[in-house]
N, C-alpha and C. Protein backbone atom coordinates (compact mmCIF):
# COMPACT_ATOMS: atom_id res chain seq x y z
N MET A 1 -23.30 -257.43 13.11
CA MET A 1 -22.13 -256.22 12.80
C MET A 1 -21.34 -255.85 11.74
N THR A 2 -21.15 -255.09 11.63
CA THR A 2 -20.47 -254.53 10.41
C THR A 2 -19.32 -253.01 10.43
N PRO A 3 -18.32 -253.33 10.17
CA PRO A 3 -17.88 -251.97 10.35
C PRO A 3 -18.15 -250.44 9.66
N THR A 4 -17.92 -249.26 9.99
CA THR A 4 -18.56 -248.84 9.59
C THR A 4 -17.78 -247.97 8.30
N ALA A 5 -18.23 -247.20 7.66
CA ALA A 5 -17.54 -246.60 6.24
C ALA A 5 -16.65 -245.89 6.38
N LEU A 6 -15.58 -246.49 5.72
CA LEU A 6 -13.88 -246.01 5.39
C LEU A 6 -13.75 -244.70 6.04
N ARG A 7 -13.21 -244.04 6.58
CA ARG A 7 -12.91 -242.60 6.94
C ARG A 7 -11.32 -242.95 7.03
N ILE A 8 -10.72 -242.47 5.69
CA ILE A 8 -9.64 -242.64 5.01
C ILE A 8 -9.14 -241.17 4.74
N SER A 9 -7.91 -240.34 5.02
CA SER A 9 -7.46 -239.15 4.59
C SER A 9 -6.56 -239.99 3.32
N THR A 10 -6.88 -239.14 2.25
CA THR A 10 -6.02 -239.73 1.25
C THR A 10 -4.26 -239.03 0.70
N ALA A 11 -4.86 -237.83 1.30
CA ALA A 11 -3.37 -236.71 1.19
C ALA A 11 -2.17 -237.94 1.54
N PRO A 12 -1.02 -237.66 0.79
CA PRO A 12 0.18 -238.56 1.08
C PRO A 12 0.78 -238.32 2.55
N ALA A 13 1.03 -239.68 3.13
CA ALA A 13 1.81 -238.95 4.16
C ALA A 13 3.04 -238.64 4.04
N ARG A 14 3.77 -238.97 2.70
CA ARG A 14 5.21 -238.73 2.45
C ARG A 14 5.47 -238.61 1.08
N PRO A 15 5.84 -238.35 0.78
CA PRO A 15 6.18 -237.62 -1.02
C PRO A 15 6.45 -239.56 -1.67
N VAL A 16 5.88 -239.09 -2.94
CA VAL A 16 5.41 -240.04 -3.44
C VAL A 16 5.50 -240.14 -5.31
N ALA A 17 5.81 -241.08 -5.75
CA ALA A 17 5.72 -240.68 -7.29
C ALA A 17 4.32 -240.67 -8.16
N PRO A 18 4.82 -239.79 -9.10
CA PRO A 18 3.64 -239.60 -9.96
C PRO A 18 2.32 -240.61 -10.32
N THR A 19 1.49 -240.32 -9.85
CA THR A 19 0.50 -241.41 -9.74
C THR A 19 0.32 -242.06 -11.57
N VAL A 20 0.77 -243.45 -11.58
CA VAL A 20 0.69 -243.83 -12.56
C VAL A 20 -0.71 -244.89 -12.87
N HIS A 21 -2.09 -244.42 -13.54
CA HIS A 21 -3.39 -245.16 -13.62
C HIS A 21 -2.94 -246.01 -13.93
N VAL A 22 -3.51 -247.41 -13.54
CA VAL A 22 -3.47 -248.95 -13.83
C VAL A 22 -5.30 -248.65 -13.70
N HIS A 23 -5.56 -249.62 -14.63
CA HIS A 23 -6.71 -249.95 -15.44
C HIS A 23 -6.86 -250.76 -13.77
N ILE A 24 -8.59 -250.54 -13.24
CA ILE A 24 -8.92 -251.50 -12.30
C ILE A 24 -10.25 -252.73 -13.14
N SER A 25 -10.17 -253.49 -12.83
CA SER A 25 -11.39 -254.10 -13.56
C SER A 25 -12.30 -254.86 -12.90
N ASP A 26 -13.34 -255.05 -13.26
CA ASP A 26 -14.66 -255.52 -12.53
C ASP A 26 -14.46 -256.55 -11.27
N ALA A 27 -13.12 -257.35 -11.17
CA ALA A 27 -12.75 -258.22 -10.60
C ALA A 27 -11.53 -258.32 -10.55
N PRO A 28 -10.87 -256.80 -10.07
CA PRO A 28 -9.17 -257.25 -9.85
C PRO A 28 -8.49 -258.05 -9.34
N THR A 29 -7.21 -258.72 -9.19
CA THR A 29 -6.57 -259.37 -8.57
C THR A 29 -5.80 -259.07 -7.86
N ASP A 30 -5.16 -259.75 -6.28
CA ASP A 30 -4.36 -259.15 -5.63
C ASP A 30 -3.34 -257.96 -6.06
N ARG A 31 -2.95 -258.53 -7.49
CA ARG A 31 -1.54 -257.67 -7.79
C ARG A 31 -2.71 -256.36 -8.68
N ASP A 32 -3.13 -256.15 -9.10
CA ASP A 32 -4.12 -255.10 -9.35
C ASP A 32 -4.32 -254.48 -8.61
N LEU A 33 -4.58 -254.52 -7.43
CA LEU A 33 -5.39 -254.19 -6.59
C LEU A 33 -3.65 -253.15 -5.65
N GLN A 34 -2.38 -254.20 -6.01
CA GLN A 34 -1.41 -253.43 -5.14
C GLN A 34 -1.02 -251.98 -6.24
N ASP A 35 -0.97 -252.84 -7.05
CA ASP A 35 -0.37 -252.05 -7.94
C ASP A 35 -1.23 -250.29 -8.23
N ALA A 36 -2.36 -250.83 -8.47
CA ALA A 36 -3.31 -249.72 -8.22
C ALA A 36 -2.88 -248.58 -7.63
N LEU A 37 -3.10 -249.53 -5.78
CA LEU A 37 -2.35 -248.59 -4.67
C LEU A 37 -1.01 -248.16 -4.72
N LEU A 38 -0.23 -248.20 -5.13
CA LEU A 38 1.20 -248.00 -5.38
C LEU A 38 1.14 -247.01 -5.91
N GLY A 39 0.22 -246.78 -6.98
CA GLY A 39 0.19 -246.00 -8.12
C GLY A 39 -0.61 -244.51 -7.26
N ARG A 40 -1.08 -244.75 -6.03
CA ARG A 40 -1.87 -244.26 -5.10
C ARG A 40 -3.43 -243.23 -5.86
N GLN A 41 -4.42 -244.67 -6.30
CA GLN A 41 -5.50 -244.76 -6.84
C GLN A 41 -6.37 -244.95 -5.93
N GLU A 42 -7.24 -243.86 -5.61
CA GLU A 42 -8.25 -243.73 -4.76
C GLU A 42 -9.21 -245.12 -4.95
N GLU A 43 -9.47 -245.27 -5.68
CA GLU A 43 -11.08 -246.40 -5.91
C GLU A 43 -10.50 -247.56 -5.70
N ALA A 44 -8.95 -248.15 -5.93
CA ALA A 44 -7.83 -249.02 -5.65
C ALA A 44 -8.61 -249.67 -3.83
N LEU A 45 -8.39 -248.48 -2.90
CA LEU A 45 -8.79 -248.54 -1.87
C LEU A 45 -9.78 -248.75 -1.71
N SER A 46 -10.94 -248.25 -1.87
CA SER A 46 -12.12 -248.15 -1.53
C SER A 46 -12.51 -249.79 -1.92
N GLU A 47 -11.93 -250.30 -3.28
CA GLU A 47 -12.24 -251.67 -3.41
C GLU A 47 -11.59 -252.63 -2.66
N ALA A 48 -10.76 -252.35 -1.96
CA ALA A 48 -9.90 -253.01 -0.79
C ALA A 48 -10.79 -253.17 0.01
N TYR A 49 -11.37 -252.14 0.30
CA TYR A 49 -12.30 -252.10 1.50
C TYR A 49 -13.55 -252.90 1.41
N ARG A 50 -14.11 -252.57 0.26
CA ARG A 50 -15.55 -253.33 -0.41
C ARG A 50 -15.31 -254.68 -0.13
N ARG A 51 -14.21 -254.73 -0.51
CA ARG A 51 -13.89 -256.65 -0.78
C ARG A 51 -13.50 -257.62 0.64
N PHE A 52 -13.13 -256.62 1.57
CA PHE A 52 -11.97 -257.17 2.74
C PHE A 52 -12.63 -256.89 4.11
N GLY A 53 -13.13 -255.28 4.02
CA GLY A 53 -13.41 -254.75 5.18
C GLY A 53 -13.84 -255.22 6.15
N GLN A 54 -15.36 -256.26 5.68
CA GLN A 54 -16.08 -257.05 6.96
C GLN A 54 -15.00 -258.35 7.47
N LYS A 55 -14.11 -259.08 6.41
CA LYS A 55 -13.12 -260.05 7.02
C LYS A 55 -12.10 -259.25 8.07
N VAL A 56 -12.23 -257.98 7.88
CA VAL A 56 -10.49 -257.30 8.52
C VAL A 56 -11.58 -257.42 10.17
N TYR A 57 -13.04 -256.58 9.94
CA TYR A 57 -14.12 -256.15 10.74
C TYR A 57 -13.99 -257.33 12.06
N ARG A 58 -14.46 -258.26 11.24
CA ARG A 58 -14.39 -259.92 12.04
C ARG A 58 -13.32 -260.56 12.90
N THR A 59 -11.99 -260.40 12.40
CA THR A 59 -11.19 -260.46 12.55
C THR A 59 -10.87 -259.66 13.83
N ALA A 60 -11.05 -258.52 14.24
CA ALA A 60 -10.36 -257.39 15.35
C ALA A 60 -11.65 -258.06 16.59
N PHE A 61 -12.68 -258.06 15.84
CA PHE A 61 -14.00 -258.10 17.04
C PHE A 61 -13.90 -259.58 17.42
N GLY A 62 -13.05 -260.92 16.51
CA GLY A 62 -12.90 -261.50 17.05
C GLY A 62 -12.02 -261.67 18.81
N VAL A 63 -10.92 -261.13 18.59
CA VAL A 63 -9.80 -260.63 19.66
C VAL A 63 -10.60 -259.85 20.91
N LEU A 64 -11.40 -258.50 20.27
CA LEU A 64 -11.28 -257.71 21.12
C LEU A 64 -12.57 -257.74 21.62
N ARG A 65 -14.18 -258.07 21.09
CA ARG A 65 -15.23 -258.23 21.76
C ARG A 65 -15.91 -257.29 21.69
N ARG A 66 -15.12 -255.93 21.01
CA ARG A 66 -16.58 -254.78 21.26
C ARG A 66 -15.89 -253.68 20.00
N SER A 67 -17.40 -253.79 19.32
CA SER A 67 -17.43 -253.49 18.08
C SER A 67 -16.73 -252.29 17.77
N GLU A 68 -16.23 -250.91 18.71
CA GLU A 68 -15.74 -249.99 18.66
C GLU A 68 -14.85 -249.56 18.43
N LEU A 69 -13.99 -251.05 19.11
CA LEU A 69 -12.38 -250.92 19.34
C LEU A 69 -12.13 -251.94 17.58
N ALA A 70 -13.12 -252.75 17.38
CA ALA A 70 -12.84 -253.81 15.98
C ALA A 70 -13.31 -252.80 14.33
N GLU A 71 -14.10 -251.72 14.92
CA GLU A 71 -14.06 -250.47 13.92
C GLU A 71 -12.65 -249.65 13.84
N ASP A 72 -11.99 -249.38 15.12
CA ASP A 72 -10.73 -248.81 15.23
C ASP A 72 -9.85 -249.07 14.07
N VAL A 73 -10.10 -250.24 14.55
CA VAL A 73 -8.50 -251.62 14.28
C VAL A 73 -8.73 -251.51 12.54
N THR A 74 -10.06 -251.83 12.28
CA THR A 74 -10.12 -251.77 10.60
C THR A 74 -10.02 -250.75 10.18
N GLN A 75 -9.98 -249.56 10.68
CA GLN A 75 -9.51 -248.51 10.28
C GLN A 75 -8.15 -248.24 9.92
N GLU A 76 -7.75 -248.69 10.55
CA GLU A 76 -6.41 -248.37 11.19
C GLU A 76 -5.43 -249.33 10.07
N VAL A 77 -6.07 -250.50 10.03
CA VAL A 77 -5.42 -251.33 8.91
C VAL A 77 -5.93 -250.89 7.20
N PHE A 78 -6.65 -250.31 6.88
CA PHE A 78 -6.53 -249.77 5.73
C PHE A 78 -6.08 -248.48 5.33
N VAL A 79 -5.55 -247.82 6.68
CA VAL A 79 -5.04 -246.30 6.69
C VAL A 79 -3.49 -246.74 6.62
N ARG A 80 -2.97 -247.87 7.14
CA ARG A 80 -1.53 -248.59 6.79
C ARG A 80 -1.57 -248.99 5.55
N LEU A 81 -2.75 -249.97 4.44
CA LEU A 81 -2.36 -250.25 3.68
C LEU A 81 -2.06 -249.07 2.54
N TRP A 82 -3.00 -247.97 2.82
CA TRP A 82 -2.72 -246.77 1.99
C TRP A 82 -1.64 -245.97 2.28
N GLN A 83 -0.99 -246.15 3.38
CA GLN A 83 -0.06 -245.42 3.39
C GLN A 83 1.40 -246.21 3.03
N ARG A 84 1.16 -247.98 3.03
CA ARG A 84 2.41 -248.64 2.88
C ARG A 84 1.82 -249.72 1.67
N PRO A 85 1.71 -249.70 0.80
CA PRO A 85 1.12 -251.25 0.09
C PRO A 85 2.33 -251.42 -0.54
N GLU A 86 3.58 -251.01 -0.17
CA GLU A 86 4.48 -251.89 -0.46
C GLU A 86 5.05 -253.03 0.95
N ARG A 87 3.74 -253.06 1.63
CA ARG A 87 4.22 -253.92 2.61
C ARG A 87 3.70 -255.44 2.61
N PHE A 88 2.53 -255.06 1.46
CA PHE A 88 1.56 -256.90 1.14
C PHE A 88 2.85 -257.04 -0.32
N ASP A 89 3.71 -258.30 -0.04
CA ASP A 89 4.03 -259.14 -0.75
C ASP A 89 3.04 -260.57 -1.75
N VAL A 90 2.87 -259.73 -2.54
CA VAL A 90 1.63 -261.03 -3.15
C VAL A 90 1.97 -262.04 -3.86
N THR A 91 3.52 -262.48 -3.61
CA THR A 91 4.13 -263.96 -3.50
C THR A 91 3.74 -264.61 -2.46
N ARG A 92 3.44 -264.24 -1.76
CA ARG A 92 3.86 -264.77 0.00
C ARG A 92 2.45 -264.83 0.43
N GLY A 93 1.22 -264.18 -0.34
CA GLY A 93 -0.19 -264.51 0.09
C GLY A 93 -1.19 -263.79 -0.27
N THR A 94 -2.19 -264.04 -0.07
CA THR A 94 -3.04 -263.16 -0.33
C THR A 94 -3.01 -262.08 0.31
N LEU A 95 -3.98 -260.98 -0.68
CA LEU A 95 -4.51 -259.67 0.18
C LEU A 95 -5.35 -259.54 1.55
N SER A 96 -6.06 -260.13 0.77
CA SER A 96 -7.30 -260.93 2.03
C SER A 96 -6.68 -261.58 3.16
N GLY A 97 -5.85 -262.17 3.52
CA GLY A 97 -4.97 -263.23 4.25
C GLY A 97 -4.03 -261.70 4.90
N PHE A 98 -2.85 -261.02 4.56
CA PHE A 98 -2.20 -260.02 4.93
C PHE A 98 -3.15 -259.26 5.97
N LEU A 99 -4.57 -258.48 4.96
CA LEU A 99 -5.08 -257.45 5.76
C LEU A 99 -5.81 -258.33 7.37
N GLN A 100 -6.47 -259.39 7.31
CA GLN A 100 -6.25 -259.99 8.83
C GLN A 100 -5.46 -260.24 9.21
N LEU A 101 -4.40 -260.51 9.22
CA LEU A 101 -2.93 -261.14 10.02
C LEU A 101 -3.11 -259.36 10.58
N ASP A 102 -2.42 -258.25 9.88
CA ASP A 102 -2.30 -257.29 10.46
C ASP A 102 -3.31 -256.67 11.19
N ALA A 103 -4.47 -257.18 10.84
CA ALA A 103 -5.93 -257.09 12.09
C ALA A 103 -5.61 -257.72 13.09
N HIS A 104 -5.28 -258.70 13.33
CA HIS A 104 -5.26 -259.35 14.54
C HIS A 104 -3.98 -258.91 15.12
N GLY A 105 -3.22 -258.43 14.51
CA GLY A 105 -1.49 -258.23 15.26
C GLY A 105 -1.68 -256.92 16.16
N ARG A 106 -2.29 -256.14 15.52
CA ARG A 106 -3.16 -254.63 15.75
C ARG A 106 -4.15 -254.90 17.25
N SER A 107 -4.76 -255.79 16.85
CA SER A 107 -5.78 -255.70 17.98
C SER A 107 -5.24 -256.63 19.00
N ILE A 108 -3.89 -257.32 19.00
CA ILE A 108 -3.68 -258.04 20.27
C ILE A 108 -2.94 -256.79 20.60
N ASP A 109 -2.61 -256.13 20.13
CA ASP A 109 -1.82 -254.90 20.93
C ASP A 109 -2.59 -253.98 21.28
N LEU A 110 -3.34 -253.16 20.82
CA LEU A 110 -4.86 -252.81 21.35
C LEU A 110 -5.02 -253.52 23.15
N LEU A 111 -5.43 -254.70 22.50
CA LEU A 111 -6.05 -255.20 23.78
C LEU A 111 -4.79 -255.58 24.94
N ARG A 112 -3.90 -255.62 24.43
CA ARG A 112 -2.53 -255.56 25.48
C ARG A 112 -2.39 -254.29 26.31
N SER A 113 -2.63 -253.00 25.27
CA SER A 113 -2.28 -251.76 26.20
C SER A 113 -4.06 -251.75 27.40
N GLU A 114 -5.36 -252.08 26.88
CA GLU A 114 -6.05 -251.60 27.38
C GLU A 114 -6.13 -252.61 28.66
N ARG A 115 -5.25 -253.43 28.80
CA ARG A 115 -5.61 -254.12 29.95
C ARG A 115 -4.35 -253.62 30.77
N ALA A 116 -3.13 -253.08 29.86
CA ALA A 116 -1.77 -252.21 30.62
C ALA A 116 -2.76 -251.11 31.52
N ARG A 117 -3.61 -250.42 30.79
CA ARG A 117 -3.80 -249.17 31.10
C ARG A 117 -4.89 -249.65 32.31
N ALA A 118 -6.10 -250.74 32.38
CA ALA A 118 -7.17 -250.69 33.64
C ALA A 118 -6.10 -250.96 34.51
N ASP A 119 -4.67 -251.84 34.07
CA ASP A 119 -4.35 -252.22 35.78
C ASP A 119 -3.57 -251.22 36.44
N ARG A 120 -3.33 -249.85 35.18
CA ARG A 120 -2.71 -248.97 36.28
C ARG A 120 -3.73 -248.75 36.46
N GLU A 121 -5.21 -248.39 36.15
CA GLU A 121 -5.83 -247.58 37.10
C GLU A 121 -6.29 -248.33 38.08
N VAL A 122 -6.21 -249.67 38.48
CA VAL A 122 -6.28 -250.09 39.75
C VAL A 122 -5.66 -249.78 40.58
N ARG A 123 -4.21 -250.05 40.01
CA ARG A 123 -3.05 -249.82 40.76
C ARG A 123 -2.74 -248.49 41.72
N GLU A 124 -3.39 -247.27 40.71
CA GLU A 124 -3.70 -245.81 41.47
C GLU A 124 -4.71 -245.60 42.40
N GLN A 125 -5.88 -246.60 41.89
CA GLN A 125 -7.05 -246.13 42.91
C GLN A 125 -6.70 -246.87 44.22
N HIS A 126 -5.64 -248.28 43.91
CA HIS A 126 -5.34 -248.80 45.31
C HIS A 126 -4.34 -248.12 46.18
N LEU A 127 -3.74 -247.34 45.54
CA LEU A 127 -2.33 -246.28 46.08
C LEU A 127 -2.94 -245.20 46.70
N SER A 128 -4.02 -244.55 46.06
CA SER A 128 -4.72 -242.96 46.68
C SER A 128 -5.97 -244.03 47.86
N ALA A 129 -6.15 -245.24 47.82
CA ALA A 129 -7.24 -245.44 48.89
C ALA A 129 -6.24 -245.87 50.01
N SER A 130 -5.22 -246.47 49.73
CA SER A 130 -4.18 -246.94 51.19
C SER A 130 -3.46 -245.13 51.33
N SER A 131 -2.93 -244.72 50.73
CA SER A 131 -2.64 -243.23 51.58
C SER A 131 -3.60 -242.50 52.20
N ASN A 132 -5.14 -242.88 51.20
CA ASN A 132 -6.16 -241.75 52.32
C ASN A 132 -5.91 -242.67 53.39
N SER A 133 -6.00 -243.66 53.58
CA SER A 133 -5.99 -244.18 55.08
C SER A 133 -5.13 -244.24 55.61
N ARG A 134 -3.46 -243.92 55.29
CA ARG A 134 -2.91 -243.95 56.30
C ARG A 134 -2.94 -242.58 56.55
N ASP A 135 -2.99 -241.88 55.87
CA ASP A 135 -3.03 -240.26 56.58
C ASP A 135 -4.31 -239.86 57.26
N SER A 136 -5.34 -240.57 57.13
CA SER A 136 -6.38 -240.89 58.47
C SER A 136 -6.05 -241.54 59.34
N LEU A 137 -4.86 -242.43 59.50
CA LEU A 137 -4.81 -243.23 60.39
C LEU A 137 -3.85 -242.23 61.30
N GLU A 138 -3.04 -241.77 60.71
CA GLU A 138 -1.91 -241.08 60.99
C GLU A 138 -2.23 -239.63 61.82
N GLU A 139 -3.59 -239.56 61.64
CA GLU A 139 -4.05 -238.12 61.98
C GLU A 139 -5.03 -238.26 63.83
N GLU A 140 -5.69 -239.73 63.07
CA GLU A 140 -6.46 -239.97 65.12
C GLU A 140 -5.20 -240.67 65.50
N VAL A 141 -3.76 -241.05 65.15
CA VAL A 141 -3.17 -241.25 66.33
C VAL A 141 -1.98 -240.02 67.11
N MET A 142 -2.30 -239.30 66.30
CA MET A 142 -1.54 -237.79 66.28
C MET A 142 -2.13 -236.88 67.26
N LYS A 143 -3.97 -237.08 67.01
CA LYS A 143 -4.61 -236.39 68.03
C LYS A 143 -4.33 -237.16 69.50
N ARG A 144 -4.14 -238.00 69.73
CA ARG A 144 -3.81 -239.27 71.11
C ARG A 144 -2.42 -238.41 71.92
N ILE A 145 -1.49 -237.85 71.36
CA ILE A 145 -0.47 -237.72 71.70
C ILE A 145 -1.05 -236.15 72.70
N SER A 146 -0.66 -236.25 73.67
CA SER A 146 -1.18 -235.48 75.01
C SER A 146 0.34 -234.45 74.93
N SER A 147 1.03 -234.85 74.20
CA SER A 147 2.70 -234.16 74.84
C SER A 147 2.29 -232.84 73.59
N GLU A 148 1.93 -231.93 73.12
CA GLU A 148 2.14 -230.63 72.00
C GLU A 148 3.94 -230.76 71.86
N ARG A 149 5.05 -231.05 72.43
CA ARG A 149 6.28 -231.21 72.27
C ARG A 149 6.12 -232.39 71.05
N ILE A 150 6.03 -233.73 72.11
CA ILE A 150 6.53 -234.27 70.81
C ILE A 150 5.95 -234.21 70.13
N ARG A 151 4.19 -234.05 69.65
CA ARG A 151 3.49 -233.98 68.91
C ARG A 151 4.37 -233.06 67.65
N GLU A 152 4.72 -232.03 67.61
CA GLU A 152 5.52 -231.07 67.02
C GLU A 152 7.07 -231.68 66.44
N ALA A 153 7.81 -232.40 67.54
CA ALA A 153 9.02 -233.20 66.60
C ALA A 153 8.64 -234.26 65.90
N LEU A 154 7.50 -234.91 66.40
CA LEU A 154 6.94 -235.95 65.60
C LEU A 154 7.03 -235.68 63.90
N GLU A 155 6.11 -234.41 63.65
CA GLU A 155 5.92 -233.49 62.60
C GLU A 155 7.12 -233.34 61.94
N THR A 156 7.99 -233.50 62.30
CA THR A 156 9.17 -232.80 61.78
C THR A 156 10.32 -233.90 60.81
N LEU A 157 9.28 -235.06 61.08
CA LEU A 157 10.23 -236.38 60.61
C LEU A 157 9.19 -236.61 59.18
N ASP A 158 10.42 -237.06 58.53
CA ASP A 158 9.36 -237.88 57.28
C ASP A 158 8.22 -238.75 57.73
N ALA A 159 7.43 -238.93 56.84
CA ALA A 159 6.11 -239.02 56.68
C ALA A 159 6.34 -240.80 56.84
N ASP A 160 7.33 -241.05 56.38
CA ASP A 160 7.83 -242.93 56.41
C ASP A 160 8.40 -242.66 58.14
N GLU A 161 8.37 -242.23 58.52
CA GLU A 161 9.17 -242.69 59.61
C GLU A 161 8.36 -242.12 60.69
N ARG A 162 7.49 -241.14 60.71
CA ARG A 162 6.75 -240.60 61.79
C ARG A 162 5.31 -241.83 62.21
N LEU A 163 4.64 -242.60 61.07
CA LEU A 163 3.66 -242.98 61.72
C LEU A 163 3.86 -244.33 61.80
N PRO A 164 5.16 -245.61 61.75
CA PRO A 164 5.57 -246.32 62.30
C PRO A 164 5.91 -246.06 63.86
N ILE A 165 6.43 -245.08 64.36
CA ILE A 165 6.83 -244.43 65.61
C ILE A 165 6.13 -244.04 66.32
N ALA A 166 4.76 -243.31 65.56
CA ALA A 166 3.36 -243.07 66.41
C ALA A 166 2.62 -244.29 66.58
N LEU A 167 2.37 -245.54 65.75
CA LEU A 167 1.62 -246.63 66.04
C LEU A 167 2.38 -247.52 66.79
N ALA A 168 3.59 -247.92 66.98
CA ALA A 168 4.59 -248.25 67.92
C ALA A 168 4.66 -247.95 69.29
N PHE A 169 5.11 -246.75 69.32
CA PHE A 169 4.66 -245.69 71.01
C PHE A 169 3.48 -245.26 71.35
N PHE A 170 2.76 -244.88 70.55
CA PHE A 170 1.86 -244.21 71.34
C PHE A 170 0.26 -245.07 70.68
N GLN A 171 -0.01 -246.02 70.24
CA GLN A 171 -0.67 -247.20 69.98
C GLN A 171 -0.46 -248.27 70.65
N GLY A 172 1.16 -248.78 70.95
CA GLY A 172 1.26 -249.98 71.60
C GLY A 172 1.11 -250.80 70.71
N HIS A 173 1.43 -250.88 69.64
CA HIS A 173 1.35 -252.32 68.42
C HIS A 173 2.86 -252.60 68.31
N SER A 174 3.49 -253.52 68.41
CA SER A 174 4.01 -254.33 68.19
C SER A 174 5.20 -254.33 66.40
N TYR A 175 5.74 -254.36 66.54
CA TYR A 175 6.42 -254.48 65.28
C TYR A 175 5.97 -254.98 63.89
N ARG A 176 5.39 -256.10 64.51
CA ARG A 176 4.91 -257.09 63.67
C ARG A 176 3.43 -256.43 63.15
N ARG A 177 3.09 -255.66 64.01
CA ARG A 177 1.77 -255.55 63.73
C ARG A 177 1.79 -254.18 62.90
N VAL A 178 2.80 -253.40 63.32
CA VAL A 178 2.99 -252.10 63.01
C VAL A 178 3.24 -252.48 60.94
N ALA A 179 4.02 -253.43 60.77
CA ALA A 179 4.29 -253.74 59.34
C ALA A 179 3.28 -254.46 58.81
N GLU A 180 1.99 -254.98 59.31
CA GLU A 180 0.58 -255.72 58.80
C GLU A 180 0.50 -254.18 58.40
N ALA A 181 0.10 -253.27 59.43
CA ALA A 181 -1.03 -251.63 59.04
C ALA A 181 -0.65 -251.36 57.54
N LEU A 182 1.22 -251.63 57.68
CA LEU A 182 1.46 -250.37 56.83
C LEU A 182 1.77 -251.33 54.86
N ASP A 183 1.48 -252.37 55.44
CA ASP A 183 1.63 -253.36 54.19
C ASP A 183 3.27 -252.89 53.58
N LEU A 184 3.92 -253.06 55.06
CA LEU A 184 5.32 -253.39 55.07
C LEU A 184 6.20 -254.32 55.19
N PRO A 185 7.90 -254.64 55.03
CA PRO A 185 8.78 -255.43 55.37
C PRO A 185 8.36 -255.21 56.88
N GLU A 186 8.58 -256.16 57.97
CA GLU A 186 9.25 -256.09 59.21
C GLU A 186 10.38 -255.46 59.66
N GLY A 187 11.35 -255.39 58.86
CA GLY A 187 12.43 -255.20 58.58
C GLY A 187 12.96 -253.62 58.36
N THR A 188 12.07 -253.12 57.41
CA THR A 188 11.45 -251.99 56.97
C THR A 188 11.38 -251.08 57.68
N VAL A 189 9.97 -251.34 58.82
CA VAL A 189 9.86 -250.82 59.83
C VAL A 189 10.64 -250.65 60.99
N LYS A 190 11.05 -251.71 61.24
CA LYS A 190 11.99 -251.49 62.25
C LYS A 190 13.63 -250.30 61.79
N SER A 191 13.79 -250.33 60.75
CA SER A 191 14.18 -249.70 60.45
C SER A 191 14.35 -248.07 60.66
N ARG A 192 13.07 -247.82 59.70
CA ARG A 192 12.39 -246.43 59.85
C ARG A 192 12.57 -245.87 61.48
N ILE A 193 11.58 -246.71 62.10
CA ILE A 193 11.80 -246.02 63.19
C ILE A 193 13.17 -246.17 64.05
N ARG A 194 14.08 -246.79 63.78
CA ARG A 194 15.21 -246.50 64.31
C ARG A 194 15.36 -245.35 63.73
N ARG A 195 15.59 -244.74 62.61
CA ARG A 195 16.41 -243.83 62.12
C ARG A 195 15.41 -243.00 62.99
N GLY A 196 13.97 -242.63 63.01
CA GLY A 196 13.35 -241.85 63.28
C GLY A 196 13.62 -241.74 64.92
N LEU A 197 13.41 -242.42 65.74
CA LEU A 197 13.99 -242.47 67.14
C LEU A 197 15.12 -241.28 67.00
N SER A 198 16.08 -241.66 66.06
CA SER A 198 17.45 -240.72 66.60
C SER A 198 17.40 -239.17 66.37
N ARG A 199 16.58 -239.37 65.17
CA ARG A 199 16.40 -237.79 64.90
C ARG A 199 15.21 -237.03 65.96
N LEU A 200 14.49 -238.21 66.54
CA LEU A 200 13.68 -237.33 67.69
C LEU A 200 14.61 -236.81 69.27
N GLN A 201 15.42 -238.23 69.09
CA GLN A 201 17.06 -237.90 70.18
C GLN A 201 17.37 -236.71 70.03
N GLU A 202 17.63 -235.68 68.59
CA GLU A 202 18.56 -234.77 68.82
C GLU A 202 17.64 -233.39 68.93
N LEU A 203 16.46 -233.94 68.98
CA LEU A 203 15.27 -232.94 69.11
C LEU A 203 14.51 -232.64 70.05
N LEU A 204 14.70 -233.96 71.38
CA LEU A 204 13.99 -234.01 72.63
C LEU A 204 15.09 -234.55 73.47
N GLY A 205 15.86 -234.58 73.19
CA GLY A 205 17.29 -235.09 74.38
C GLY A 205 16.37 -236.32 75.01
N GLU A 206 16.80 -235.83 76.55
CA GLU A 206 16.55 -237.23 77.55
C GLU A 206 14.92 -237.48 77.22
N GLU A 207 13.98 -236.68 77.09
CA GLU A 207 12.71 -236.89 76.39
C GLU A 207 12.32 -238.14 75.52
N ALA A 208 13.19 -237.95 74.64
CA ALA A 208 12.98 -239.32 73.70
C ALA A 208 13.10 -240.21 73.76
N LEU A 209 14.42 -241.01 75.01
CA LEU A 209 14.66 -241.69 75.83
C LEU A 209 13.07 -242.53 76.39
N ALA A 210 12.20 -242.13 76.49
CA ALA A 210 11.44 -242.88 77.11
C ALA A 210 10.40 -243.55 76.10
N LEU A 211 10.69 -243.22 75.14
CA LEU A 211 10.25 -243.96 73.63
C LEU A 211 11.04 -245.03 73.25
N ALA A 212 11.95 -244.81 73.46
CA ALA A 212 13.17 -245.88 72.93
C ALA A 212 13.08 -247.38 73.55
């Protein structure tokens, strides 16, 4: 597996000093490459990619295990080198090591982002499935209520009050069973039922007492 050809726009992202040509020898040192990059010489970027692109790619692939993501990170690392060559300090290590460290850090960031996105999608699917399940359950329970007046009164309640009351008083479930069905704490279910019954009593008067 090898990284694809370098795809980097060399248009400056910010104002730069006038280009100062630095001769790049057949075997340029890290200092030579940095000086040439600071002088905005595109051939220096090409040379850095030729020399270190494979190592950067392998570093990214070792973390991500996906070639397309490793290629993206490789491209990003060299874009960052072109845009901010001053980030590399030749007195603190090699250019190869600097680029591989950058690739490792960007790969970890991308991996975390991908995992967070996947976790978010799973949560959204779970919530959607849960919502659909509750909707179906509520629809089924409401159909079994023979009194149209009570059904209309229930429909004026908030959804988080309506379904617990319907399950408890028209399906005959205990508070604990309602809590399990709705994946809620039992105390929360009791509170919602009490609040909903209070509102029903305002609407139905004595008829609501049969539910309490």
